[in-house]
Amino acid sequence: MTDSIRIAAWNVNSLKVRLPHVLRWLQAEEKKSQPIDALCLQELKLTDDKYPHQELEEAGYLSLAAGQKTYNGVAIIVRKAALVPMSADLETTFLKPVRNIPGHADEQQRILAATVCFKGVPPIRLISAYFPNGQSPDSDKFVYKLGWLKALEVWLKDELNQNSRLALLGDFNIAPSDLDVYDPSKWIGQNLVSPPEREAFQRLLELGLTDSFRMFEQAPKTFSWWDYRMMGFRRNAGMRIDHILLSDALKKQCRGSIVDKEPRTWEQPSDHAPVIAVIKKDII
């Protein structure tokens, strides 16, 4: 048994297309003796009845999913060997599940939360989140994004009051600072970097969450998303919009946070790379 658990987020931009990538990545990490114990996925782009529960379970993982045809969709995948008690019963693996933001009417599947019991650590509340893109600051979609962010903030405050060990993982569609943008001058006035979005991100931190990536020294121009167009990945013309935010209790045990760019080099990749946080198992 390793001395830590590794939690990750990955916008796969269609699980139907990228399932082989997900399985390849999970198996590769396990072979390196660095297994991913929990993986939060975004942009499944498939309905619940099409979710590949069987393929993932055969590979050693259990899943909770909230799907949607063509768009959105989120999931939480956990490694069976990391669980206690080890069980194939979804009801005993994913405790207190929540689908979408309570009290916020929304047909888009963007939030999935559950409490998971891993070996060697007290239970952790995992939230897989796919934040709205917003399109542009002068659009109705941007108004929707800001309203969604406010509803998220209100709900998260309550979640943190109930769960001291909480991790919010996913595609936030927000680059928190200019350090997270390949060329800030080209993004002035656009969504993902606008003041209202960055202020909303900051308010999440003020609830008692910490950006795990910025806890550690990082190489400059480390990004998690690159546009498919204009050779964005080859030029490293990217942005860091995928994040893992940790509550204070988990922050104290966080021992590392990285972006794994390797899957972005594979054939037919997602435009996002997985992000990982390492939580040490010395907290019981």
C-alpha atoms as a PDB file:
ATOM      1  CA  MET A   1       0.000   0.000   0.000  1.00  0.00           C
ATOM      2  CA  THR A   2       1.377   3.385  -0.952  1.00  0.00           C
ATOM      3  CA  ASP A   3       1.756   6.166   1.618  1.00  0.00           C
ATOM      4  CA  SER A   4      -0.526   8.545  -0.294  1.00  0.00           C
ATOM      5  CA  ILE A   5      -3.633   8.726  -2.415  1.00  0.00           C
ATOM      6  CA  ARG A   6      -3.681  10.467  -5.762  1.00  0.00           C
ATOM      7  CA  ILE A   7      -6.765  12.326  -6.939  1.00  0.00           C
ATOM      8  CA  ALA A   8      -7.134  13.715 -10.438  1.00  0.00           C
ATOM      9  CA  ALA A   9      -9.387  15.648 -12.807  1.00  0.00           C
ATOM     10  CA  TRP A  10      -9.602  15.319 -16.577  1.00  0.00           C
ATOM     11  CA  ASN A  11     -11.894  16.887 -19.151  1.00  0.00           C
ATOM     12  CA  VAL A  12     -11.935  14.045 -21.684  1.00  0.00           C
ATOM     13  CA  ASN A  13     -14.066  15.839 -24.313  1.00  0.00           C
ATOM     14  CA  SER A  14     -16.204  12.726 -25.014  1.00  0.00           C
ATOM     15  CA  LEU A  15     -15.757   9.583 -22.959  1.00  0.00           C
ATOM     16  CA  LYS A  16     -17.009   7.493 -25.883  1.00  0.00           C
ATOM     17  CA  VAL A  17     -14.021   8.658 -27.909  1.00  0.00           C
ATOM     18  CA  ARG A  18     -11.514   8.874 -25.059  1.00  0.00           C
ATOM     19  CA  LEU A  19     -12.304   5.746 -22.994  1.00  0.00           C
ATOM     20  CA  PRO A  20      -9.204   3.971 -24.393  1.00  0.00           C
ATOM     21  CA  HIS A  21      -7.124   6.969 -23.276  1.00  0.00           C
ATOM     22  CA  VAL A  22      -8.617   6.907 -19.784  1.00  0.00           C
ATOM     23  CA  LEU A  23      -7.937   3.191 -19.391  1.00  0.00           C
ATOM     24  CA  ARG A  24      -4.441   3.520 -20.859  1.00  0.00           C
ATOM     25  CA  TRP A  25      -3.572   6.363 -18.503  1.00  0.00           C
ATOM     26  CA  LEU A  26      -4.950   4.662 -15.402  1.00  0.00           C
ATOM     27  CA  GLN A  27      -3.111   1.441 -16.204  1.00  0.00           C
ATOM     28  CA  ALA A  28       0.138   3.271 -16.982  1.00  0.00           C
ATOM     29  CA  GLU A  29       0.033   5.124 -13.659  1.00  0.00           C
ATOM     30  CA  GLU A  30      -0.591   1.865 -11.819  1.00  0.00           C
ATOM     31  CA  LYS A  31       2.383   0.227 -13.537  1.00  0.00           C
ATOM     32  CA  LYS A  32       4.539   3.114 -12.314  1.00  0.00           C
ATOM     33  CA  SER A  33       3.336   2.324  -8.767  1.00  0.00           C
ATOM     34  CA  GLN A  34       1.593   5.702  -8.788  1.00  0.00           C
ATOM     35  CA  PRO A  35      -2.037   4.650  -9.135  1.00  0.00           C
ATOM     36  CA  ILE A  36      -4.816   7.178  -9.521  1.00  0.00           C
ATOM     37  CA  ASP A  37      -7.183   6.463  -6.643  1.00  0.00           C
ATOM     38  CA  ALA A  38      -9.916   8.883  -7.720  1.00  0.00           C
ATOM     39  CA  LEU A  39     -10.455  10.443 -11.141  1.00  0.00           C
ATOM     40  CA  CYS A  40     -13.075  13.111 -11.748  1.00  0.00           C
ATOM     41  CA  LEU A  41     -14.081  13.339 -15.402  1.00  0.00           C
ATOM     42  CA  GLN A  42     -15.778  16.188 -17.257  1.00  0.00           C
ATOM     43  CA  GLU A  43     -17.473  16.467 -20.652  1.00  0.00           C
ATOM     44  CA  LEU A  44     -18.623  12.872 -20.865  1.00  0.00           C
ATOM     45  CA  LYS A  45     -20.962  13.756 -23.727  1.00  0.00           C
ATOM     46  CA  LEU A  46     -23.040  10.618 -23.235  1.00  0.00           C
ATOM     47  CA  THR A  47     -26.147   9.560 -21.338  1.00  0.00           C
ATOM     48  CA  ASP A  48     -26.094   7.424 -18.206  1.00  0.00           C
ATOM     49  CA  ASP A  49     -27.211   4.300 -20.069  1.00  0.00           C
ATOM     50  CA  LYS A  50     -24.183   4.615 -22.367  1.00  0.00           C
ATOM     51  CA  TYR A  51     -21.657   5.043 -19.546  1.00  0.00           C
ATOM     52  CA  PRO A  52     -18.932   2.325 -19.677  1.00  0.00           C
ATOM     53  CA  HIS A  53     -19.372   0.957 -16.140  1.00  0.00           C
ATOM     54  CA  GLN A  54     -18.451  -2.576 -17.172  1.00  0.00           C
ATOM     55  CA  GLU A  55     -15.213  -1.663 -18.962  1.00  0.00           C
ATOM     56  CA  LEU A  56     -14.039   0.435 -16.036  1.00  0.00           C
ATOM     57  CA  GLU A  57     -15.014  -2.161 -13.442  1.00  0.00           C
ATOM     58  CA  GLU A  58     -13.145  -4.851 -15.365  1.00  0.00           C
ATOM     59  CA  ALA A  59     -10.105  -2.567 -15.156  1.00  0.00           C
ATOM     60  CA  GLY A  60     -10.532  -2.265 -11.373  1.00  0.00           C
ATOM     61  CA  TYR A  61     -12.597   0.916 -10.985  1.00  0.00           C
ATOM     62  CA  LEU A  62     -16.071   1.861  -9.810  1.00  0.00           C
ATOM     63  CA  SER A  63     -17.934   4.874 -11.166  1.00  0.00           C
ATOM     64  CA  LEU A  64     -20.663   7.313 -10.358  1.00  0.00           C
ATOM     65  CA  ALA A  65     -21.851   9.322 -13.362  1.00  0.00           C
ATOM     66  CA  ALA A  66     -24.209  12.127 -14.313  1.00  0.00           C
ATOM     67  CA  GLY A  67     -24.445  12.071 -18.070  1.00  0.00           C
ATOM     68  CA  GLN A  68     -26.069  14.158 -20.760  1.00  0.00           C
ATOM     69  CA  LYS A  69     -26.484  13.562 -24.468  1.00  0.00           C
ATOM     70  CA  THR A  70     -24.005  15.425 -26.687  1.00  0.00           C
ATOM     71  CA  TYR A  71     -22.891  17.934 -24.045  1.00  0.00           C
ATOM     72  CA  ASN A  72     -21.533  18.196 -20.498  1.00  0.00           C
ATOM     73  CA  GLY A  73     -21.622  15.239 -18.100  1.00  0.00           C
ATOM     74  CA  VAL A  74     -19.410  14.469 -15.099  1.00  0.00           C
ATOM     75  CA  ALA A  75     -18.210  11.335 -13.317  1.00  0.00           C
ATOM     76  CA  ILE A  76     -16.233  10.151 -10.303  1.00  0.00           C
ATOM     77  CA  ILE A  77     -14.105   7.038 -10.789  1.00  0.00           C
ATOM     78  CA  VAL A  78     -12.409   5.302  -7.850  1.00  0.00           C
ATOM     79  CA  ARG A  79      -9.902   2.465  -7.706  1.00  0.00           C
ATOM     80  CA  LYS A  80     -11.452  -0.540  -5.982  1.00  0.00           C
ATOM     81  CA  ALA A  81      -8.155  -1.601  -4.418  1.00  0.00           C
ATOM     82  CA  ALA A  82      -7.898   1.776  -2.668  1.00  0.00           C
ATOM     83  CA  LEU A  83     -11.271   1.539  -0.964  1.00  0.00           C
ATOM     84  CA  VAL A  84     -12.211   0.441   2.522  1.00  0.00           C
ATOM     85  CA  PRO A  85     -14.239  -1.594   2.838  1.00  0.00           C
ATOM     86  CA  MET A  86     -13.553  -2.919  -0.632  1.00  0.00           C
ATOM     87  CA  SER A  87     -16.967  -3.344  -2.219  1.00  0.00           C
ATOM     88  CA  ALA A  88     -18.654  -3.557  -5.574  1.00  0.00           C
ATOM     89  CA  ASP A  89     -21.756  -1.926  -4.129  1.00  0.00           C
ATOM     90  CA  LEU A  90     -22.062   1.604  -5.476  1.00  0.00           C
ATOM     91  CA  GLU A  91     -24.261   2.656  -2.549  1.00  0.00           C
ATOM     92  CA  THR A  92     -21.525   1.854  -0.037  1.00  0.00           C
ATOM     93  CA  THR A  93     -18.743   3.339  -2.175  1.00  0.00           C
ATOM     94  CA  PHE A  94     -20.269   6.702  -3.107  1.00  0.00           C
ATOM     95  CA  LEU A  95     -21.862   8.114   0.022  1.00  0.00           C
ATOM     96  CA  LYS A  96     -24.209  11.113   0.179  1.00  0.00           C
ATOM     97  CA  PRO A  97     -24.278  11.560  -3.618  1.00  0.00           C
ATOM     98  CA  VAL A  98     -25.401  14.908  -5.022  1.00  0.00           C
ATOM     99  CA  ARG A  99     -26.160  15.534  -8.683  1.00  0.00           C
ATOM    100  CA  ASN A 100     -26.134  19.185  -9.746  1.00  0.00           C
ATOM    101  CA  ILE A 101     -26.298  22.167  -7.394  1.00  0.00           C
ATOM    102  CA  PRO A 102     -29.222  21.752  -4.986  1.00  0.00           C
ATOM    103  CA  GLY A 103     -31.781  24.514  -5.344  1.00  0.00           C
ATOM    104  CA  HIS A 104     -30.315  25.704  -8.643  1.00  0.00           C
ATOM    105  CA  ALA A 105     -32.523  24.697 -11.554  1.00  0.00           C
ATOM    106  CA  ASP A 106     -30.273  23.530 -14.363  1.00  0.00           C
ATOM    107  CA  GLU A 107     -30.709  20.872 -17.048  1.00  0.00           C
ATOM    108  CA  GLN A 108     -26.972  20.801 -17.730  1.00  0.00           C
ATOM    109  CA  GLN A 109     -25.095  18.055 -15.902  1.00  0.00           C
ATOM    110  CA  ARG A 110     -22.137  19.886 -14.373  1.00  0.00           C
ATOM    111  CA  ILE A 111     -21.786  18.780 -10.736  1.00  0.00           C
ATOM    112  CA  LEU A 112     -21.421  15.377  -9.113  1.00  0.00           C
ATOM    113  CA  ALA A 113     -20.421  14.966  -5.472  1.00  0.00           C
ATOM    114  CA  ALA A 114     -19.894  11.942  -3.228  1.00  0.00           C
ATOM    115  CA  THR A 115     -18.012  10.999  -0.085  1.00  0.00           C
ATOM    116  CA  VAL A 116     -15.523   8.152  -0.562  1.00  0.00           C
ATOM    117  CA  CYS A 117     -13.725   6.080   2.075  1.00  0.00           C
ATOM    118  CA  PHE A 118     -10.145   5.275   1.088  1.00  0.00           C
ATOM    119  CA  LYS A 119      -7.757   3.040   2.988  1.00  0.00           C
ATOM    120  CA  GLY A 120      -5.545   4.905   5.416  1.00  0.00           C
ATOM    121  CA  VAL A 121      -7.425   8.217   5.457  1.00  0.00           C
ATOM    122  CA  PRO A 122     -10.717   9.522   6.827  1.00  0.00           C
ATOM    123  CA  PRO A 123     -13.513   9.949   4.241  1.00  0.00           C
ATOM    124  CA  ILE A 124     -13.036  12.557   1.522  1.00  0.00           C
ATOM    125  CA  ARG A 125     -15.804  14.546  -0.119  1.00  0.00           C
ATOM    126  CA  LEU A 126     -15.084  14.599  -3.865  1.00  0.00           C
ATOM    127  CA  ILE A 127     -16.813  17.037  -6.213  1.00  0.00           C
ATOM    128  CA  SER A 128     -16.401  16.643  -9.971  1.00  0.00           C
ATOM    129  CA  ALA A 129     -17.252  19.963 -11.606  1.00  0.00           C
ATOM    130  CA  TYR A 130     -17.573  21.186 -15.166  1.00  0.00           C
ATOM    131  CA  PHE A 131     -17.901  24.971 -15.007  1.00  0.00           C
ATOM    132  CA  PRO A 132     -19.734  26.748 -17.857  1.00  0.00           C
ATOM    133  CA  ASN A 133     -17.534  28.218 -20.567  1.00  0.00           C
ATOM    134  CA  GLY A 134     -19.391  31.514 -20.836  1.00  0.00           C
ATOM    135  CA  GLN A 135     -18.637  32.086 -24.532  1.00  0.00           C
ATOM    136  CA  SER A 136     -18.074  35.856 -24.240  1.00  0.00           C
ATOM    137  CA  PRO A 137     -18.738  38.543 -21.613  1.00  0.00           C
ATOM    138  CA  ASP A 138     -21.520  40.091 -23.710  1.00  0.00           C
ATOM    139  CA  SER A 139     -23.480  36.857 -24.153  1.00  0.00           C
ATOM    140  CA  ASP A 140     -26.390  35.216 -22.336  1.00  0.00           C
ATOM    141  CA  LYS A 141     -24.098  32.252 -21.701  1.00  0.00           C
ATOM    142  CA  PHE A 142     -21.809  34.502 -19.667  1.00  0.00           C
ATOM    143  CA  VAL A 143     -24.758  35.647 -17.556  1.00  0.00           C
ATOM    144  CA  TYR A 144     -25.592  31.969 -17.020  1.00  0.00           C
ATOM    145  CA  LYS A 145     -21.987  31.288 -16.025  1.00  0.00           C
ATOM    146  CA  LEU A 146     -21.925  34.026 -13.390  1.00  0.00           C
ATOM    147  CA  GLY A 147     -25.248  32.853 -11.970  1.00  0.00           C
ATOM    148  CA  TRP A 148     -23.980  29.284 -11.855  1.00  0.00           C
ATOM    149  CA  LEU A 149     -20.780  30.388 -10.107  1.00  0.00           C
ATOM    150  CA  LYS A 150     -22.782  32.223  -7.456  1.00  0.00           C
ATOM    151  CA  ALA A 151     -24.995  29.197  -6.845  1.00  0.00           C
ATOM    152  CA  LEU A 152     -21.866  27.024  -6.593  1.00  0.00           C
ATOM    153  CA  GLU A 153     -20.345  29.363  -4.023  1.00  0.00           C
ATOM    154  CA  VAL A 154     -23.453  29.291  -1.826  1.00  0.00           C
ATOM    155  CA  TRP A 155     -23.683  25.487  -1.991  1.00  0.00           C
ATOM    156  CA  LEU A 156     -19.962  24.956  -1.403  1.00  0.00           C
ATOM    157  CA  LYS A 157     -20.097  27.025   1.754  1.00  0.00           C
ATOM    158  CA  ASP A 158     -22.654  24.597   3.123  1.00  0.00           C
ATOM    159  CA  GLU A 159     -20.691  21.583   1.872  1.00  0.00           C
ATOM    160  CA  LEU A 160     -17.547  22.798   3.629  1.00  0.00           C
ATOM    161  CA  ASN A 161     -19.479  23.283   6.853  1.00  0.00           C
ATOM    162  CA  GLN A 162     -20.533  19.646   6.643  1.00  0.00           C
ATOM    163  CA  ASN A 163     -17.325  18.170   5.197  1.00  0.00           C
ATOM    164  CA  SER A 164     -13.966  19.402   6.463  1.00  0.00           C
ATOM    165  CA  ARG A 165     -12.145  17.086   4.038  1.00  0.00           C
ATOM    166  CA  LEU A 166     -13.327  18.272   0.630  1.00  0.00           C
ATOM    167  CA  ALA A 167     -11.774  18.446  -2.832  1.00  0.00           C
ATOM    168  CA  LEU A 168     -13.298  20.342  -5.763  1.00  0.00           C
ATOM    169  CA  LEU A 169     -11.855  18.964  -8.999  1.00  0.00           C
ATOM    170  CA  GLY A 170     -12.544  19.744 -12.612  1.00  0.00           C
ATOM    171  CA  ASP A 171     -12.562  22.021 -15.603  1.00  0.00           C
ATOM    172  CA  PHE A 172     -13.261  25.455 -14.155  1.00  0.00           C
ATOM    173  CA  ASN A 173     -13.066  27.341 -17.462  1.00  0.00           C
ATOM    174  CA  ILE A 174     -11.256  30.069 -15.519  1.00  0.00           C
ATOM    175  CA  ALA A 175      -7.561  30.955 -15.682  1.00  0.00           C
ATOM    176  CA  PRO A 176      -7.063  32.456 -12.188  1.00  0.00           C
ATOM    177  CA  SER A 177      -4.196  34.795 -13.089  1.00  0.00           C
ATOM    178  CA  ASP A 178      -2.042  35.916 -15.997  1.00  0.00           C
ATOM    179  CA  LEU A 179       0.485  33.257 -14.973  1.00  0.00           C
ATOM    180  CA  ASP A 180      -2.074  30.752 -16.216  1.00  0.00           C
ATOM    181  CA  VAL A 181      -2.327  32.215 -19.734  1.00  0.00           C
ATOM    182  CA  TYR A 182       0.228  31.788 -22.517  1.00  0.00           C
ATOM    183  CA  ASP A 183      -0.221  35.367 -23.786  1.00  0.00           C
ATOM    184  CA  PRO A 184      -2.438  37.506 -21.538  1.00  0.00           C
ATOM    185  CA  SER A 185      -2.420  40.397 -24.001  1.00  0.00           C
ATOM    186  CA  LYS A 186      -4.307  38.270 -26.541  1.00  0.00           C
ATOM    187  CA  TRP A 187      -7.051  37.457 -24.045  1.00  0.00           C
ATOM    188  CA  ILE A 188      -7.930  40.916 -22.774  1.00  0.00           C
ATOM    189  CA  GLY A 189     -11.700  41.335 -22.673  1.00  0.00           C
ATOM    190  CA  GLN A 190     -12.451  37.661 -23.245  1.00  0.00           C
ATOM    191  CA  ASN A 191     -14.096  34.990 -21.146  1.00  0.00           C
ATOM    192  CA  LEU A 192     -11.982  32.613 -19.026  1.00  0.00           C
ATOM    193  CA  VAL A 193      -9.884  35.573 -17.837  1.00  0.00           C
ATOM    194  CA  SER A 194     -12.423  38.351 -17.204  1.00  0.00           C
ATOM    195  CA  PRO A 195     -12.457  40.129 -13.824  1.00  0.00           C
ATOM    196  CA  PRO A 196     -15.896  38.753 -12.820  1.00  0.00           C
ATOM    197  CA  GLU A 197     -14.737  35.179 -13.430  1.00  0.00           C
ATOM    198  CA  ARG A 198     -11.457  35.628 -11.602  1.00  0.00           C
ATOM    199  CA  GLU A 199     -13.275  37.308  -8.722  1.00  0.00           C
ATOM    200  CA  ALA A 200     -15.623  34.304  -8.532  1.00  0.00           C
ATOM    201  CA  PHE A 201     -12.606  31.991  -8.414  1.00  0.00           C
ATOM    202  CA  GLN A 202     -11.121  34.074  -5.610  1.00  0.00           C
ATOM    203  CA  ARG A 203     -14.370  33.861  -3.649  1.00  0.00           C
ATOM    204  CA  LEU A 204     -14.101  30.071  -3.778  1.00  0.00           C
ATOM    205  CA  LEU A 205     -10.665  30.338  -2.208  1.00  0.00           C
ATOM    206  CA  GLU A 206     -12.045  32.669   0.442  1.00  0.00           C
ATOM    207  CA  LEU A 207     -14.472  29.937   1.481  1.00  0.00           C
ATOM    208  CA  GLY A 208     -11.447  28.032   2.744  1.00  0.00           C
ATOM    209  CA  LEU A 209     -10.199  26.289  -0.402  1.00  0.00           C
ATOM    210  CA  THR A 210      -6.651  26.292  -1.767  1.00  0.00           C
ATOM    211  CA  ASP A 211      -5.405  25.905  -5.345  1.00  0.00           C
ATOM    212  CA  SER A 212      -3.245  22.801  -4.886  1.00  0.00           C
ATOM    213  CA  PHE A 213      -1.126  23.566  -7.950  1.00  0.00           C
ATOM    214  CA  ARG A 214       0.045  26.903  -6.545  1.00  0.00           C
ATOM    215  CA  MET A 215       1.097  25.323  -3.268  1.00  0.00           C
ATOM    216  CA  PHE A 216       4.292  24.156  -4.966  1.00  0.00           C
ATOM    217  CA  GLU A 217       6.994  25.607  -7.169  1.00  0.00           C
ATOM    218  CA  GLN A 218       5.983  25.035 -10.775  1.00  0.00           C
ATOM    219  CA  ALA A 219       7.626  25.449 -14.126  1.00  0.00           C
ATOM    220  CA  PRO A 220       6.516  28.663 -15.854  1.00  0.00           C
ATOM    221  CA  LYS A 221       3.902  28.351 -18.573  1.00  0.00           C
ATOM    222  CA  THR A 222       2.458  25.107 -17.264  1.00  0.00           C
ATOM    223  CA  PHE A 223      -1.011  24.723 -18.742  1.00  0.00           C
ATOM    224  CA  SER A 224      -3.802  22.129 -18.791  1.00  0.00           C
ATOM    225  CA  TRP A 225      -5.679  23.084 -21.977  1.00  0.00           C
ATOM    226  CA  TRP A 226      -4.524  23.853 -25.509  1.00  0.00           C
ATOM    227  CA  ASP A 227      -6.756  24.727 -28.450  1.00  0.00           C
ATOM    228  CA  TYR A 228      -6.832  22.122 -31.200  1.00  0.00           C
ATOM    229  CA  ARG A 229      -6.394  24.919 -33.735  1.00  0.00           C
ATOM    230  CA  MET A 230      -3.220  26.717 -34.799  1.00  0.00           C
ATOM    231  CA  MET A 231      -0.936  24.010 -33.361  1.00  0.00           C
ATOM    232  CA  GLY A 232      -1.790  25.224 -29.870  1.00  0.00           C
ATOM    233  CA  PHE A 233      -0.192  22.298 -28.046  1.00  0.00           C
ATOM    234  CA  ARG A 234       2.963  22.274 -30.162  1.00  0.00           C
ATOM    235  CA  ARG A 235       3.441  25.995 -29.453  1.00  0.00           C
ATOM    236  CA  ASN A 236       2.387  25.586 -25.814  1.00  0.00           C
ATOM    237  CA  ALA A 237      -0.240  28.239 -26.456  1.00  0.00           C
ATOM    238  CA  GLY A 238      -2.381  27.048 -23.586  1.00  0.00           C
ATOM    239  CA  MET A 239      -4.131  27.995 -20.380  1.00  0.00           C
ATOM    240  CA  ARG A 240      -4.441  26.484 -16.922  1.00  0.00           C
ATOM    241  CA  ILE A 241      -8.174  26.142 -16.468  1.00  0.00           C
ATOM    242  CA  ASP A 242      -8.337  22.688 -14.830  1.00  0.00           C
ATOM    243  CA  HIS A 243      -7.925  22.796 -11.070  1.00  0.00           C
ATOM    244  CA  ILE A 244      -8.001  20.861  -7.818  1.00  0.00           C
ATOM    245  CA  LEU A 245      -9.041  22.990  -4.858  1.00  0.00           C
ATOM    246  CA  LEU A 246      -8.545  21.530  -1.381  1.00  0.00           C
ATOM    247  CA  SER A 247     -10.089  22.305   1.973  1.00  0.00           C
ATOM    248  CA  ASP A 248      -7.704  23.230   4.788  1.00  0.00           C
ATOM    249  CA  ALA A 249      -7.655  19.686   6.184  1.00  0.00           C
ATOM    250  CA  LEU A 250      -6.572  18.246   2.839  1.00  0.00           C
ATOM    251  CA  LYS A 251      -4.234  21.139   2.111  1.00  0.00           C
ATOM    252  CA  LYS A 252      -2.197  20.202   5.177  1.00  0.00           C
ATOM    253  CA  GLN A 253      -1.673  16.712   3.746  1.00  0.00           C
ATOM    254  CA  CYS A 254      -1.074  17.679   0.111  1.00  0.00           C
ATOM    255  CA  ARG A 255       2.414  16.660  -0.998  1.00  0.00           C
ATOM    256  CA  GLY A 256       2.321  17.543  -4.674  1.00  0.00           C
ATOM    257  CA  SER A 257       0.226  18.802  -7.580  1.00  0.00           C
ATOM    258  CA  ILE A 258       1.028  18.463 -11.275  1.00  0.00           C
ATOM    259  CA  VAL A 259      -0.301  18.565 -14.816  1.00  0.00           C
ATOM    260  CA  ASP A 260       0.405  15.381 -16.773  1.00  0.00           C
ATOM    261  CA  LYS A 261       0.798  16.498 -20.382  1.00  0.00           C
ATOM    262  CA  GLU A 262       1.604  13.075 -21.801  1.00  0.00           C
ATOM    263  CA  PRO A 263      -1.980  12.088 -22.733  1.00  0.00           C
ATOM    264  CA  ARG A 264      -2.232  15.312 -24.753  1.00  0.00           C
ATOM    265  CA  THR A 265       0.506  13.895 -27.040  1.00  0.00           C
ATOM    266  CA  TRP A 266      -1.493  10.766 -27.902  1.00  0.00           C
ATOM    267  CA  GLU A 267      -3.430  10.259 -31.115  1.00  0.00           C
ATOM    268  CA  GLN A 268      -6.877  11.926 -31.073  1.00  0.00           C
ATOM    269  CA  PRO A 269      -6.354  13.444 -27.618  1.00  0.00           C
ATOM    270  CA  SER A 270      -8.662  15.516 -25.508  1.00  0.00           C
ATOM    271  CA  ASP A 271      -7.746  19.183 -25.641  1.00  0.00           C
ATOM    272  CA  HIS A 272      -7.207  18.966 -21.861  1.00  0.00           C
ATOM    273  CA  ALA A 273      -4.550  17.164 -19.826  1.00  0.00           C
ATOM    274  CA  PRO A 274      -5.135  15.456 -16.458  1.00  0.00           C
ATOM    275  CA  VAL A 275      -4.277  17.354 -13.284  1.00  0.00           C
ATOM    276  CA  ILE A 276      -3.239  15.479 -10.122  1.00  0.00           C
ATOM    277  CA  ALA A 277      -2.947  16.168  -6.397  1.00  0.00           C
ATOM    278  CA  VAL A 278      -1.180  13.847  -3.942  1.00  0.00           C
ATOM    279  CA  ILE A 279      -2.604  13.480  -0.424  1.00  0.00           C
ATOM    280  CA  LYS A 280      -0.423  11.869   2.239  1.00  0.00           C
ATOM    281  CA  LYS A 281      -1.866   9.032   4.333  1.00  0.00           C
ATOM    282  CA  ASP A 282      -0.772  10.094   7.808  1.00  0.00           C
ATOM    283  CA  ILE A 283      -3.922  11.689   9.066  1.00  0.00           C
ATOM    284  CA  ILE A 284      -5.754   9.088  11.102  1.00  0.00           C
END
